[in-house]
C-alpha atoms as a PDB file:
ATOM      1  CA  UNK A   1      55.528 -22.567 -43.862  1.00  0.00           C
ATOM      2  CA  UNK A   2      53.986 -19.277 -42.913  1.00  0.00           C
ATOM      3  CA  UNK A   3      50.257 -18.681 -42.809  1.00  0.00           C
ATOM      4  CA  UNK A   4      50.139 -16.439 -45.887  1.00  0.00           C
ATOM      5  CA  UNK A   5      51.995 -18.926 -48.114  1.00  0.00           C
ATOM      6  CA  UNK A   6      49.764 -21.799 -46.956  1.00  0.00           C
ATOM      7  CA  UNK A   7      46.671 -19.652 -47.557  1.00  0.00           C
ATOM      8  CA  UNK A   8      47.799 -18.885 -51.130  1.00  0.00           C
ATOM      9  CA  UNK A   9      48.426 -22.591 -51.817  1.00  0.00           C
ATOM     10  CA  UNK A  10      44.968 -23.503 -50.551  1.00  0.00           C
ATOM     11  CA  UNK A  11      43.364 -20.723 -52.621  1.00  0.00           C
ATOM     12  CA  UNK A  12      45.240 -21.908 -55.721  1.00  0.00           C
ATOM     13  CA  UNK A  13      43.836 -25.432 -55.235  1.00  0.00           C
ATOM     14  CA  UNK A  14      40.337 -24.044 -54.684  1.00  0.00           C
ATOM     15  CA  UNK A  15      40.580 -21.969 -57.876  1.00  0.00           C
ATOM     16  CA  UNK A  16      41.794 -24.969 -59.897  1.00  0.00           C
ATOM     17  CA  UNK A  17      39.003 -27.221 -58.614  1.00  0.00           C
ATOM     18  CA  UNK A  18      36.401 -24.511 -59.279  1.00  0.00           C
ATOM     19  CA  UNK A  19      37.627 -24.054 -62.844  1.00  0.00           C
ATOM     20  CA  UNK A  20      37.565 -27.817 -63.422  1.00  0.00           C
ATOM     21  CA  UNK A  21      33.993 -28.013 -62.129  1.00  0.00           C
ATOM     22  CA  UNK A  22      32.913 -25.129 -64.403  1.00  0.00           C
ATOM     23  CA  UNK A  23      34.484 -26.838 -67.427  1.00  0.00           C
ATOM     24  CA  UNK A  24      32.881 -30.164 -66.549  1.00  0.00           C
ATOM     25  CA  UNK A  25      29.507 -28.498 -65.981  1.00  0.00           C
ATOM     26  CA  UNK A  26      29.690 -26.829 -69.404  1.00  0.00           C
ATOM     27  CA  UNK A  27      30.682 -30.110 -71.076  1.00  0.00           C
ATOM     28  CA  UNK A  28      27.866 -31.999 -69.368  1.00  0.00           C
ATOM     29  CA  UNK A  29      25.386 -29.307 -70.421  1.00  0.00           C
ATOM     30  CA  UNK A  30      26.484 -29.684 -74.049  1.00  0.00           C
ATOM     31  CA  UNK A  31      26.262 -33.477 -73.864  1.00  0.00           C
ATOM     32  CA  UNK A  32      22.832 -33.262 -72.246  1.00  0.00           C
ATOM     33  CA  UNK A  33      21.571 -31.076 -75.104  1.00  0.00           C
ATOM     34  CA  UNK A  34      22.932 -33.598 -77.611  1.00  0.00           C
ATOM     35  CA  UNK A  35      21.313 -36.467 -75.706  1.00  0.00           C
ATOM     36  CA  UNK A  36      17.910 -34.744 -75.701  1.00  0.00           C
ATOM     37  CA  UNK A  37      18.232 -34.085 -79.449  1.00  0.00           C
ATOM     38  CA  UNK A  38      19.033 -37.743 -80.110  1.00  0.00           C
ATOM     39  CA  UNK A  39      16.213 -38.993 -77.891  1.00  0.00           C
ATOM     40  CA  UNK A  40      13.756 -36.771 -79.757  1.00  0.00           C
ATOM     41  CA  UNK A  41      15.122 -38.023 -83.070  1.00  0.00           C
ATOM     42  CA  UNK A  42      14.774 -41.633 -81.900  1.00  0.00           C
ATOM     43  CA  UNK A  43      11.210 -41.021 -80.744  1.00  0.00           C
ATOM     44  CA  UNK A  44      10.280 -39.512 -84.117  1.00  0.00           C
ATOM     45  CA  UNK A  45      11.977 -42.372 -85.972  1.00  0.00           C
ATOM     46  CA  UNK A  46      10.133 -45.000 -83.947  1.00  0.00           C
ATOM     47  CA  UNK A  47       6.823 -43.184 -84.417  1.00  0.00           C
ATOM     48  CA  UNK A  48       7.235 -43.525 -88.186  1.00  0.00           C
ATOM     49  CA  UNK A  49       7.539 -47.305 -87.801  1.00  0.00           C
ATOM     50  CA  UNK A  50       4.105 -47.555 -86.196  1.00  0.00           C
END
């Protein structure tokens, strides 16, 4: 396998991993926002009990 072909294969893997990380980061950000919303809702709900 020549150097250029190997380099392209490596770059393709790097690009795929980077895209996966970006997608995961976005998903985690969305889930974190939802979690904070629910925690605030829970706190308000529990405050009403007292």
